Amino acid sequence: MKPPRPKPIYAGTPPRVVGTVEGGVFTKPVHGSRHMLLSPLAWSMDVVTFQEALNAGADFVLIQDKDTGIEYRASTETIVKKGFRLDRGHGPQVALGLAHWEATPPKPVQRKLW
């Protein structure tokens, strides 16, 4: 039996894939230089996107910052309890302060010698 395929999660008009849910984790790759909230420092996502991820079985959210290689992980429960709503012109979003995310440093890259 094949393992289940990642479920794509969509946002925007027209809808585009913004991440996937697999094994209870909603993974969302972003460019931190453009997508991290600066005041307050936080990660956010569309309310509809977050709800779709919950409906697909996500227990955790994993934000992958393509600029730095750092991965940020938080439980959906923490986002629901400690997150806050906002709308800064891109539709309703839910955000969670940076202090509530567990950050994993980027993986080292082995360079070729020859």
PDB file of N, CA and C in Angstrom:
ATOM      1  N   MET A   1       0.833  -1.176   0.000  1.00  0.00           N
ATOM      2  CA  MET A   1       0.000   0.000   0.000  1.00  0.00           C
ATOM      3  C   MET A   1       0.884   1.248   0.000  1.00  0.00           C
ATOM      4  N   LYS A   2       0.558   2.196  -0.874  1.00  0.00           N
ATOM      5  CA  LYS A   2       1.329   3.421  -0.977  1.00  0.00           C
ATOM      6  C   LYS A   2       0.989   4.361   0.174  1.00  0.00           C
ATOM      7  N   PRO A   3       1.979   5.125   0.646  1.00  0.00           N
ATOM      8  CA  PRO A   3       1.658   6.123   1.669  1.00  0.00           C
ATOM      9  C   PRO A   3       0.788   7.221   1.066  1.00  0.00           C
ATOM     10  N   PRO A   4      -0.023   7.885   1.908  1.00  0.00           N
ATOM     11  CA  PRO A   4      -0.885   8.934   1.362  1.00  0.00           C
ATOM     12  C   PRO A   4      -0.061  10.089   0.786  1.00  0.00           C
ATOM     13  N   ARG A   5      -0.581  10.671  -0.278  1.00  0.00           N
ATOM     14  CA  ARG A   5       0.103  11.788  -0.932  1.00  0.00           C
ATOM     15  C   ARG A   5      -0.141  13.064  -0.134  1.00  0.00           C
ATOM     16  N   PRO A   6       0.805  14.014  -0.195  1.00  0.00           N
ATOM     17  CA  PRO A   6       0.580  15.288   0.483  1.00  0.00           C
ATOM     18  C   PRO A   6      -0.659  15.984  -0.072  1.00  0.00           C
ATOM     19  N   LYS A   7      -1.452  16.581   0.821  1.00  0.00           N
ATOM     20  CA  LYS A   7      -2.654  17.303   0.391  1.00  0.00           C
ATOM     21  C   LYS A   7      -2.275  18.761   0.172  1.00  0.00           C
ATOM     22  N   PRO A   8      -2.481  19.271  -1.055  1.00  0.00           N
ATOM     23  CA  PRO A   8      -2.171  20.674  -1.312  1.00  0.00           C
ATOM     24  C   PRO A   8      -3.168  21.594  -0.613  1.00  0.00           C
ATOM     25  N   ILE A   9      -2.654  22.736  -0.138  1.00  0.00           N
ATOM     26  CA  ILE A   9      -3.477  23.765   0.489  1.00  0.00           C
ATOM     27  C   ILE A   9      -3.373  25.010  -0.387  1.00  0.00           C
ATOM     28  N   TYR A  10      -4.519  25.604  -0.687  1.00  0.00           N
ATOM     29  CA  TYR A  10      -4.593  26.709  -1.639  1.00  0.00           C
ATOM     30  C   TYR A  10      -4.909  28.035  -0.950  1.00  0.00           C
ATOM     31  N   ALA A  11      -4.515  29.142  -1.606  1.00  0.00           N
ATOM     32  CA  ALA A  11      -4.870  30.492  -1.157  1.00  0.00           C
ATOM     33  C   ALA A  11      -4.865  31.405  -2.365  1.00  0.00           C
ATOM     34  N   GLY A  12      -5.526  32.547  -2.229  1.00  0.00           N
ATOM     35  CA  GLY A  12      -5.474  33.577  -3.260  1.00  0.00           C
ATOM     36  C   GLY A  12      -6.514  33.410  -4.346  1.00  0.00           C
ATOM     37  N   THR A  13      -6.545  34.425  -5.214  1.00  0.00           N
ATOM     38  CA  THR A  13      -7.427  34.425  -6.378  1.00  0.00           C
ATOM     39  C   THR A  13      -6.588  34.796  -7.585  1.00  0.00           C
ATOM     40  N   PRO A  14      -6.407  33.945  -8.556  1.00  0.00           N
ATOM     41  CA  PRO A  14      -6.881  32.568  -8.580  1.00  0.00           C
ATOM     42  C   PRO A  14      -6.135  31.719  -7.547  1.00  0.00           C
ATOM     43  N   PRO A  15      -6.768  30.631  -7.104  1.00  0.00           N
ATOM     44  CA  PRO A  15      -6.127  29.797  -6.084  1.00  0.00           C
ATOM     45  C   PRO A  15      -4.781  29.233  -6.554  1.00  0.00           C
ATOM     46  N   ARG A  16      -3.812  29.267  -5.652  1.00  0.00           N
ATOM     47  CA  ARG A  16      -2.504  28.669  -5.924  1.00  0.00           C
ATOM     48  C   ARG A  16      -2.080  27.880  -4.694  1.00  0.00           C
ATOM     49  N   VAL A  17      -1.272  26.870  -4.897  1.00  0.00           N
ATOM     50  CA  VAL A  17      -0.808  26.042  -3.788  1.00  0.00           C
ATOM     51  C   VAL A  17       0.182  26.855  -2.952  1.00  0.00           C
ATOM     52  N   VAL A  18      -0.093  26.954  -1.640  1.00  0.00           N
ATOM     53  CA  VAL A  18       0.801  27.683  -0.735  1.00  0.00           C
ATOM     54  C   VAL A  18       1.513  26.750   0.233  1.00  0.00           C
ATOM     55  N   GLY A  19       1.116  25.484   0.238  1.00  0.00           N
ATOM     56  CA  GLY A  19       1.748  24.500   1.118  1.00  0.00           C
ATOM     57  C   GLY A  19       1.056  23.168   0.990  1.00  0.00           C
ATOM     58  N   THR A  20       1.503  22.227   1.819  1.00  0.00           N
ATOM     59  CA  THR A  20       0.911  20.887   1.802  1.00  0.00           C
ATOM     60  C   THR A  20       0.767  20.369   3.228  1.00  0.00           C
ATOM     61  N   VAL A  21      -0.186  19.461   3.403  1.00  0.00           N
ATOM     62  CA  VAL A  21      -0.336  18.758   4.674  1.00  0.00           C
ATOM     63  C   VAL A  21       0.031  17.303   4.433  1.00  0.00           C
ATOM     64  N   GLU A  22       0.967  16.835   5.247  1.00  0.00           N
ATOM     65  CA  GLU A  22       1.401  15.438   5.167  1.00  0.00           C
ATOM     66  C   GLU A  22       1.825  15.005   6.559  1.00  0.00           C
ATOM     67  N   GLY A  23       1.304  13.858   6.998  1.00  0.00           N
ATOM     68  CA  GLY A  23       1.672  13.332   8.305  1.00  0.00           C
ATOM     69  C   GLY A  23       1.341  14.280   9.450  1.00  0.00           C
ATOM     70  N   GLY A  24       0.254  15.036   9.312  1.00  0.00           N
ATOM     71  CA  GLY A  24      -0.167  15.938  10.373  1.00  0.00           C
ATOM     72  C   GLY A  24       0.580  17.258  10.422  1.00  0.00           C
ATOM     73  N   VAL A  25       1.406  17.545   9.406  1.00  0.00           N
ATOM     74  CA  VAL A  25       2.181  18.784   9.376  1.00  0.00           C
ATOM     75  C   VAL A  25       1.828  19.594   8.130  1.00  0.00           C
ATOM     76  N   PHE A  26       1.418  20.832   8.352  1.00  0.00           N
ATOM     77  CA  PHE A  26       1.190  21.775   7.261  1.00  0.00           C
ATOM     78  C   PHE A  26       2.517  22.486   7.010  1.00  0.00           C
ATOM     79  N   THR A  27       3.130  22.218   5.868  1.00  0.00           N
ATOM     80  CA  THR A  27       4.412  22.812   5.500  1.00  0.00           C
ATOM     81  C   THR A  27       4.165  23.935   4.517  1.00  0.00           C
ATOM     82  N   LYS A  28       4.706  25.118   4.870  1.00  0.00           N
ATOM     83  CA  LYS A  28       4.496  26.305   4.041  1.00  0.00           C
ATOM     84  C   LYS A  28       5.842  26.973   3.781  1.00  0.00           C
ATOM     85  N   PRO A  29       6.393  26.839   2.559  1.00  0.00           N
ATOM     86  CA  PRO A  29       7.632  27.534   2.222  1.00  0.00           C
ATOM     87  C   PRO A  29       7.351  29.007   1.908  1.00  0.00           C
ATOM     88  N   VAL A  30       8.172  29.894   2.451  1.00  0.00           N
ATOM     89  CA  VAL A  30       7.991  31.337   2.249  1.00  0.00           C
ATOM     90  C   VAL A  30       9.354  32.017   2.117  1.00  0.00           C
ATOM     91  N   HIS A  31       9.333  33.264   1.684  1.00  0.00           N
ATOM     92  CA  HIS A  31      10.520  34.114   1.707  1.00  0.00           C
ATOM     93  C   HIS A  31      10.350  35.047   2.897  1.00  0.00           C
ATOM     94  N   GLY A  32      11.121  34.808   3.951  1.00  0.00           N
ATOM     95  CA  GLY A  32      10.998  35.591   5.174  1.00  0.00           C
ATOM     96  C   GLY A  32      11.189  37.074   4.957  1.00  0.00           C
ATOM     97  N   SER A  33      12.038  37.443   4.013  1.00  0.00           N
ATOM     98  CA  SER A  33      12.290  38.857   3.755  1.00  0.00           C
ATOM     99  C   SER A  33      11.040  39.579   3.267  1.00  0.00           C
ATOM    100  N   ARG A  34      10.091  38.827   2.703  1.00  0.00           N
ATOM    101  CA  ARG A  34       8.844  39.427   2.211  1.00  0.00           C
ATOM    102  C   ARG A  34       7.633  39.076   3.066  1.00  0.00           C
ATOM    103  N   HIS A  35       7.673  37.937   3.754  1.00  0.00           N
ATOM    104  CA  HIS A  35       6.463  37.433   4.392  1.00  0.00           C
ATOM    105  C   HIS A  35       6.438  37.512   5.913  1.00  0.00           C
ATOM    106  N   MET A  36       7.564  37.674   6.578  1.00  0.00           N
ATOM    107  CA  MET A  36       7.536  37.758   8.037  1.00  0.00           C
ATOM    108  C   MET A  36       6.983  39.123   8.453  1.00  0.00           C
ATOM    109  N   LEU A  37       6.066  39.110   9.405  1.00  0.00           N
ATOM    110  CA  LEU A  37       5.578  40.364   9.957  1.00  0.00           C
ATOM    111  C   LEU A  37       6.703  40.988  10.777  1.00  0.00           C
ATOM    112  N   LEU A  38       6.860  42.282  10.674  1.00  0.00           N
ATOM    113  CA  LEU A  38       7.932  42.974  11.398  1.00  0.00           C
ATOM    114  C   LEU A  38       7.439  43.670  12.658  1.00  0.00           C
ATOM    115  N   SER A  39       6.154  43.999  12.694  1.00  0.00           N
ATOM    116  CA  SER A  39       5.625  44.667  13.875  1.00  0.00           C
ATOM    117  C   SER A  39       4.226  44.141  14.162  1.00  0.00           C
ATOM    118  N   PRO A  40       4.093  43.218  15.105  1.00  0.00           N
ATOM    119  CA  PRO A  40       5.156  42.566  15.856  1.00  0.00           C
ATOM    120  C   PRO A  40       5.826  41.470  15.016  1.00  0.00           C
ATOM    121  N   LEU A  41       6.996  41.018  15.450  1.00  0.00           N
ATOM    122  CA  LEU A  41       7.658  39.908  14.743  1.00  0.00           C
ATOM    123  C   LEU A  41       6.782  38.667  14.868  1.00  0.00           C
ATOM    124  N   ALA A  42       6.316  38.174  13.728  1.00  0.00           N
ATOM    125  CA  ALA A  42       5.390  37.041  13.735  1.00  0.00           C
ATOM    126  C   ALA A  42       5.320  36.423  12.347  1.00  0.00           C
ATOM    127  N   TRP A  43       4.822  35.192  12.311  1.00  0.00           N
ATOM    128  CA  TRP A  43       4.466  34.541  11.055  1.00  0.00           C
ATOM    129  C   TRP A  43       2.955  34.527  10.983  1.00  0.00           C
ATOM    130  N   SER A  44       2.421  34.743   9.793  1.00  0.00           N
ATOM    131  CA  SER A  44       0.969  34.729   9.637  1.00  0.00           C
ATOM    132  C   SER A  44       0.587  33.924   8.403  1.00  0.00           C
ATOM    133  N   MET A  45      -0.702  33.607   8.330  1.00  0.00           N
ATOM    134  CA  MET A  45      -1.247  32.904   7.164  1.00  0.00           C
ATOM    135  C   MET A  45      -2.720  33.248   7.061  1.00  0.00           C
ATOM    136  N   ASP A  46      -3.266  33.092   5.869  1.00  0.00           N
ATOM    137  CA  ASP A  46      -4.693  33.338   5.661  1.00  0.00           C
ATOM    138  C   ASP A  46      -5.492  32.471   6.620  1.00  0.00           C
ATOM    139  N   VAL A  47      -6.573  33.045   7.154  1.00  0.00           N
ATOM    140  CA  VAL A  47      -7.462  32.295   8.037  1.00  0.00           C
ATOM    141  C   VAL A  47      -8.024  31.083   7.301  1.00  0.00           C
ATOM    142  N   VAL A  48      -8.408  31.271   6.037  1.00  0.00           N
ATOM    143  CA  VAL A  48      -8.988  30.171   5.244  1.00  0.00           C
ATOM    144  C   VAL A  48      -7.941  29.075   5.032  1.00  0.00           C
ATOM    145  N   THR A  49      -6.695  29.473   4.751  1.00  0.00           N
ATOM    146  CA  THR A  49      -5.613  28.505   4.560  1.00  0.00           C
ATOM    147  C   THR A  49      -5.395  27.691   5.825  1.00  0.00           C
ATOM    148  N   PHE A  50      -5.354  28.376   6.968  1.00  0.00           N
ATOM    149  CA  PHE A  50      -5.158  27.688   8.247  1.00  0.00           C
ATOM    150  C   PHE A  50      -6.306  26.712   8.500  1.00  0.00           C
ATOM    151  N   GLN A  51      -7.536  27.138   8.227  1.00  0.00           N
ATOM    152  CA  GLN A  51      -8.689  26.252   8.426  1.00  0.00           C
ATOM    153  C   GLN A  51      -8.614  25.042   7.499  1.00  0.00           C
ATOM    154  N   GLU A  52      -8.208  25.257   6.246  1.00  0.00           N
ATOM    155  CA  GLU A  52      -8.046  24.127   5.311  1.00  0.00           C
ATOM    156  C   GLU A  52      -7.006  23.136   5.831  1.00  0.00           C
ATOM    157  N   ALA A  53      -5.905  23.663   6.370  1.00  0.00           N
ATOM    158  CA  ALA A  53      -4.858  22.791   6.922  1.00  0.00           C
ATOM    159  C   ALA A  53      -5.403  21.991   8.104  1.00  0.00           C
ATOM    160  N   LEU A  54      -6.168  22.645   8.973  1.00  0.00           N
ATOM    161  CA  LEU A  54      -6.788  21.931  10.096  1.00  0.00           C
ATOM    162  C   LEU A  54      -7.723  20.840   9.582  1.00  0.00           C
ATOM    163  N   ASN A  55      -8.546  21.175   8.595  1.00  0.00           N
ATOM    164  CA  ASN A  55      -9.488  20.199   8.022  1.00  0.00           C
ATOM    165  C   ASN A  55      -8.763  19.019   7.378  1.00  0.00           C
ATOM    166  N   ALA A  56      -7.533  19.253   6.894  1.00  0.00           N
ATOM    167  CA  ALA A  56      -6.739  18.186   6.260  1.00  0.00           C
ATOM    168  C   ALA A  56      -5.956  17.375   7.291  1.00  0.00           C
ATOM    169  N   GLY A  57      -6.125  17.701   8.583  1.00  0.00           N
ATOM    170  CA  GLY A  57      -5.498  16.899   9.632  1.00  0.00           C
ATOM    171  C   GLY A  57      -4.198  17.456  10.187  1.00  0.00           C
ATOM    172  N   ALA A  58      -3.900  18.729   9.944  1.00  0.00           N
ATOM    173  CA  ALA A  58      -2.656  19.314  10.446  1.00  0.00           C
ATOM    174  C   ALA A  58      -2.726  19.506  11.962  1.00  0.00           C
ATOM    175  N   ASP A  59      -1.695  19.030  12.647  1.00  0.00           N
ATOM    176  CA  ASP A  59      -1.521  19.262  14.078  1.00  0.00           C
ATOM    177  C   ASP A  59      -0.394  20.255  14.325  1.00  0.00           C
ATOM    178  N   PHE A  60       0.441  20.452  13.311  1.00  0.00           N
ATOM    179  CA  PHE A  60       1.576  21.375  13.396  1.00  0.00           C
ATOM    180  C   PHE A  60       1.664  22.178  12.113  1.00  0.00           C
ATOM    181  N   VAL A  61       2.270  23.369  12.225  1.00  0.00           N
ATOM    182  CA  VAL A  61       2.582  24.197  11.067  1.00  0.00           C
ATOM    183  C   VAL A  61       4.096  24.328  11.011  1.00  0.00           C
ATOM    184  N   LEU A  62       4.658  24.114   9.834  1.00  0.00           N
ATOM    185  CA  LEU A  62       6.095  24.243   9.613  1.00  0.00           C
ATOM    186  C   LEU A  62       6.311  25.306   8.543  1.00  0.00           C
ATOM    187  N   ILE A  63       6.874  26.440   8.953  1.00  0.00           N
ATOM    188  CA  ILE A  63       7.200  27.519   8.025  1.00  0.00           C
ATOM    189  C   ILE A  63       8.661  27.327   7.617  1.00  0.00           C
ATOM    190  N   GLN A  64       8.917  27.207   6.325  1.00  0.00           N
ATOM    191  CA  GLN A  64      10.281  27.057   5.811  1.00  0.00           C
ATOM    192  C   GLN A  64      10.697  28.378   5.170  1.00  0.00           C
ATOM    193  N   ASP A  65      11.634  29.087   5.825  1.00  0.00           N
ATOM    194  CA  ASP A  65      12.117  30.358   5.285  1.00  0.00           C
ATOM    195  C   ASP A  65      13.166  30.061   4.222  1.00  0.00           C
ATOM    196  N   LYS A  66      12.811  30.295   2.960  1.00  0.00           N
ATOM    197  CA  LYS A  66      13.723  30.001   1.845  1.00  0.00           C
ATOM    198  C   LYS A  66      14.925  30.943   1.833  1.00  0.00           C
ATOM    199  N   ASP A  67      14.798  32.119   2.456  1.00  0.00           N
ATOM    200  CA  ASP A  67      15.903  33.081   2.475  1.00  0.00           C
ATOM    201  C   ASP A  67      17.018  32.670   3.431  1.00  0.00           C
ATOM    202  N   THR A  68      16.643  32.128   4.591  1.00  0.00           N
ATOM    203  CA  THR A  68      17.633  31.813   5.627  1.00  0.00           C
ATOM    204  C   THR A  68      17.862  30.321   5.819  1.00  0.00           C
ATOM    205  N   GLY A  69      16.912  29.490   5.370  1.00  0.00           N
ATOM    206  CA  GLY A  69      16.999  28.054   5.605  1.00  0.00           C
ATOM    207  C   GLY A  69      16.473  27.654   6.975  1.00  0.00           C
ATOM    208  N   ILE A  70      16.048  28.627   7.781  1.00  0.00           N
ATOM    209  CA  ILE A  70      15.513  28.321   9.112  1.00  0.00           C
ATOM    210  C   ILE A  70      14.088  27.798   8.965  1.00  0.00           C
ATOM    211  N   GLU A  71      13.756  26.782   9.762  1.00  0.00           N
ATOM    212  CA  GLU A  71      12.408  26.243   9.801  1.00  0.00           C
ATOM    213  C   GLU A  71      11.781  26.603  11.144  1.00  0.00           C
ATOM    214  N   TYR A  72      10.529  27.038  11.105  1.00  0.00           N
ATOM    215  CA  TYR A  72       9.792  27.443  12.298  1.00  0.00           C
ATOM    216  C   TYR A  72       8.610  26.497  12.453  1.00  0.00           C
ATOM    217  N   ARG A  73       8.460  25.929  13.665  1.00  0.00           N
ATOM    218  CA  ARG A  73       7.416  24.934  13.902  1.00  0.00           C
ATOM    219  C   ARG A  73       6.585  25.349  15.122  1.00  0.00           C
ATOM    220  N   ALA A  74       5.267  25.226  14.983  1.00  0.00           N
ATOM    221  CA  ALA A  74       4.350  25.480  16.090  1.00  0.00           C
ATOM    222  C   ALA A  74       3.150  24.559  15.955  1.00  0.00           C
ATOM    223  N   SER A  75       2.574  24.188  17.077  1.00  0.00           N
ATOM    224  CA  SER A  75       1.378  23.350  17.020  1.00  0.00           C
ATOM    225  C   SER A  75       0.181  24.211  16.628  1.00  0.00           C
ATOM    226  N   THR A  76      -0.773  23.590  15.981  1.00  0.00           N
ATOM    227  CA  THR A  76      -1.991  24.314  15.616  1.00  0.00           C
ATOM    228  C   THR A  76      -2.722  24.745  16.884  1.00  0.00           C
ATOM    229  N   GLU A  77      -2.605  23.963  17.930  1.00  0.00           N
ATOM    230  CA  GLU A  77      -3.227  24.310  19.214  1.00  0.00           C
ATOM    231  C   GLU A  77      -2.649  25.623  19.753  1.00  0.00           C
ATOM    232  N   THR A  78      -1.320  25.785  19.668  1.00  0.00           N
ATOM    233  CA  THR A  78      -0.688  27.026  20.109  1.00  0.00           C
ATOM    234  C   THR A  78      -1.157  28.204  19.265  1.00  0.00           C
ATOM    235  N   ILE A  79      -1.271  27.997  17.957  1.00  0.00           N
ATOM    236  CA  ILE A  79      -1.725  29.065  17.070  1.00  0.00           C
ATOM    237  C   ILE A  79      -3.150  29.482  17.426  1.00  0.00           C
ATOM    238  N   VAL A  80      -4.010  28.521  17.717  1.00  0.00           N
ATOM    239  CA  VAL A  80      -5.393  28.831  18.084  1.00  0.00           C
ATOM    240  C   VAL A  80      -5.430  29.568  19.427  1.00  0.00           C
ATOM    241  N   LYS A  81      -4.647  29.113  20.409  1.00  0.00           N
ATOM    242  CA  LYS A  81      -4.707  29.698  21.754  1.00  0.00           C
ATOM    243  C   LYS A  81      -3.963  31.029  21.872  1.00  0.00           C
ATOM    244  N   LYS A  82      -2.793  31.142  21.218  1.00  0.00           N
ATOM    245  CA  LYS A  82      -1.947  32.317  21.418  1.00  0.00           C
ATOM    246  C   LYS A  82      -1.840  33.218  20.192  1.00  0.00           C
ATOM    247  N   GLY A  83      -2.433  32.797  19.098  1.00  0.00           N
ATOM    248  CA  GLY A  83      -2.381  33.586  17.878  1.00  0.00           C
ATOM    249  C   GLY A  83      -3.330  34.769  17.942  1.00  0.00           C
ATOM    250  N   PHE A  84      -3.199  35.656  16.970  1.00  0.00           N
ATOM    251  CA  PHE A  84      -4.078  36.824  16.900  1.00  0.00           C
ATOM    252  C   PHE A  84      -4.476  37.062  15.449  1.00  0.00           C
ATOM    253  N   ARG A  85      -5.612  37.684  15.277  1.00  0.00           N
ATOM    254  CA  ARG A  85      -6.133  37.955  13.935  1.00  0.00           C
ATOM    255  C   ARG A  85      -5.721  39.346  13.489  1.00  0.00           C
ATOM    256  N   LEU A  86      -5.534  39.495  12.180  1.00  0.00           N
ATOM    257  CA  LEU A  86      -5.216  40.790  11.614  1.00  0.00           C
ATOM    258  C   LEU A  86      -5.619  40.817  10.160  1.00  0.00           C
ATOM    259  N   ASP A  87      -5.718  42.017   9.615  1.00  0.00           N
ATOM    260  CA  ASP A  87      -5.963  42.203   8.194  1.00  0.00           C
ATOM    261  C   ASP A  87      -5.239  43.477   7.795  1.00  0.00           C
ATOM    262  N   ARG A  88      -4.147  43.318   7.077  1.00  0.00           N
ATOM    263  CA  ARG A  88      -3.351  44.459   6.636  1.00  0.00           C
ATOM    264  C   ARG A  88      -3.436  44.622   5.123  1.00  0.00           C
ATOM    265  N   GLY A  89      -4.628  44.396   4.607  1.00  0.00           N
ATOM    266  CA  GLY A  89      -4.864  44.595   3.189  1.00  0.00           C
ATOM    267  C   GLY A  89      -4.731  43.354   2.337  1.00  0.00           C
ATOM    268  N   HIS A  90      -4.459  42.200   2.948  1.00  0.00           N
ATOM    269  CA  HIS A  90      -4.338  40.948   2.193  1.00  0.00           C
ATOM    270  C   HIS A  90      -5.377  39.929   2.637  1.00  0.00           C
ATOM    271  N   GLY A  91      -6.438  40.395   3.278  1.00  0.00           N
ATOM    272  CA  GLY A  91      -7.483  39.509   3.769  1.00  0.00           C
ATOM    273  C   GLY A  91      -7.214  39.090   5.203  1.00  0.00           C
ATOM    274  N   PRO A  92      -8.216  38.472   5.845  1.00  0.00           N
ATOM    275  CA  PRO A  92      -8.086  38.048   7.239  1.00  0.00           C
ATOM    276  C   PRO A  92      -6.969  37.016   7.398  1.00  0.00           C
ATOM    277  N   GLN A  93      -6.139  37.238   8.393  1.00  0.00           N
ATOM    278  CA  GLN A  93      -5.037  36.319   8.672  1.00  0.00           C
ATOM    279  C   GLN A  93      -4.994  35.992  10.159  1.00  0.00           C
ATOM    280  N   VAL A  94      -4.355  34.876  10.467  1.00  0.00           N
ATOM    281  CA  VAL A  94      -4.042  34.520  11.842  1.00  0.00           C
ATOM    282  C   VAL A  94      -2.520  34.541  11.942  1.00  0.00           C
ATOM    283  N   ALA A  95      -2.010  35.145  13.025  1.00  0.00           N
ATOM    284  CA  ALA A  95      -0.566  35.280  13.198  1.00  0.00           C
ATOM    285  C   ALA A  95      -0.174  34.765  14.575  1.00  0.00           C
ATOM    286  N   LEU A  96       1.090  34.363  14.684  1.00  0.00           N
ATOM    287  CA  LEU A  96       1.642  33.892  15.944  1.00  0.00           C
ATOM    288  C   LEU A  96       3.009  34.528  16.126  1.00  0.00           C
ATOM    289  N   GLY A  97       3.197  35.186  17.273  1.00  0.00           N
ATOM    290  CA  GLY A  97       4.461  35.855  17.566  1.00  0.00           C
ATOM    291  C   GLY A  97       5.643  34.912  17.457  1.00  0.00           C
ATOM    292  N   LEU A  98       6.766  35.448  17.030  1.00  0.00           N
ATOM    293  CA  LEU A  98       7.975  34.656  16.789  1.00  0.00           C
ATOM    294  C   LEU A  98       8.422  33.880  18.029  1.00  0.00           C
ATOM    295  N   ALA A  99       8.182  34.423  19.210  1.00  0.00           N
ATOM    296  CA  ALA A  99       8.594  33.762  20.454  1.00  0.00           C
ATOM    297  C   ALA A  99       7.900  32.416  20.665  1.00  0.00           C
ATOM    298  N   HIS A 100       6.773  32.195  19.992  1.00  0.00           N
ATOM    299  CA  HIS A 100       6.007  30.953  20.178  1.00  0.00           C
ATOM    300  C   HIS A 100       6.365  29.872  19.166  1.00  0.00           C
ATOM    301  N   TRP A 101       7.279  30.188  18.239  1.00  0.00           N
ATOM    302  CA  TRP A 101       7.711  29.208  17.245  1.00  0.00           C
ATOM    303  C   TRP A 101       9.010  28.566  17.696  1.00  0.00           C
ATOM    304  N   GLU A 102       9.176  27.291  17.421  1.00  0.00           N
ATOM    305  CA  GLU A 102      10.448  26.599  17.653  1.00  0.00           C
ATOM    306  C   GLU A 102      11.241  26.679  16.354  1.00  0.00           C
ATOM    307  N   ALA A 103      12.399  27.332  16.422  1.00  0.00           N
ATOM    308  CA  ALA A 103      13.217  27.527  15.217  1.00  0.00           C
ATOM    309  C   ALA A 103      14.314  26.484  15.134  1.00  0.00           C
ATOM    310  N   THR A 104      14.495  25.939  13.947  1.00  0.00           N
ATOM    311  CA  THR A 104      15.560  24.980  13.674  1.00  0.00           C
ATOM    312  C   THR A 104      16.554  25.637  12.730  1.00  0.00           C
ATOM    313  N   PRO A 105      17.837  25.693  13.122  1.00  0.00           N
ATOM    314  CA  PRO A 105      18.825  26.334  12.244  1.00  0.00           C
ATOM    315  C   PRO A 105      18.909  25.634  10.892  1.00  0.00           C
ATOM    316  N   PRO A 106      19.403  26.358   9.893  1.00  0.00           N
ATOM    317  CA  PRO A 106      19.523  25.735   8.567  1.00  0.00           C
ATOM    318  C   PRO A 106      20.484  24.559   8.595  1.00  0.00           C
ATOM    319  N   LYS A 107      20.213  23.612   7.721  1.00  0.00           N
ATOM    320  CA  LYS A 107      21.094  22.445   7.611  1.00  0.00           C
ATOM    321  C   LYS A 107      22.388  22.856   6.915  1.00  0.00           C
ATOM    322  N   PRO A 108      23.532  22.377   7.418  1.00  0.00           N
ATOM    323  CA  PRO A 108      24.795  22.712   6.751  1.00  0.00           C
ATOM    324  C   PRO A 108      24.854  22.110   5.355  1.00  0.00           C
ATOM    325  N   VAL A 109      25.523  22.809   4.470  1.00  0.00           N
ATOM    326  CA  VAL A 109      25.654  22.355   3.088  1.00  0.00           C
ATOM    327  C   VAL A 109      27.084  21.881   2.872  1.00  0.00           C
ATOM    328  N   GLN A 110      27.230  20.671   2.366  1.00  0.00           N
ATOM    329  CA  GLN A 110      28.544  20.117   2.045  1.00  0.00           C
ATOM    330  C   GLN A 110      28.941  20.603   0.661  1.00  0.00           C
ATOM    331  N   ARG A 111      30.025  21.321   0.605  1.00  0.00           N
ATOM    332  CA  ARG A 111      30.502  21.811  -0.692  1.00  0.00           C
ATOM    333  C   ARG A 111      31.432  20.796  -1.328  1.00  0.00           C
ATOM    334  N   LYS A 112      31.401  20.784  -2.643  1.00  0.00           N
ATOM    335  CA  LYS A 112      32.284  19.875  -3.368  1.00  0.00           C
ATOM    336  C   LYS A 112      33.704  20.444  -3.397  1.00  0.00           C
ATOM    337  N   LEU A 113      34.669  19.558  -3.281  1.00  0.00           N
ATOM    338  CA  LEU A 113      36.063  19.981  -3.278  1.00  0.00           C
ATOM    339  C   LEU A 113      36.624  20.101  -4.690  1.00  0.00           C
ATOM    340  N   TRP A 114      36.092  19.352  -5.588  1.00  0.00           N
ATOM    341  CA  TRP A 114      36.667  19.347  -6.946  1.00  0.00           C
ATOM    342  C   TRP A 114      35.703  19.842  -7.946  1.00  0.00           C
TER     343      TRP A 114
END
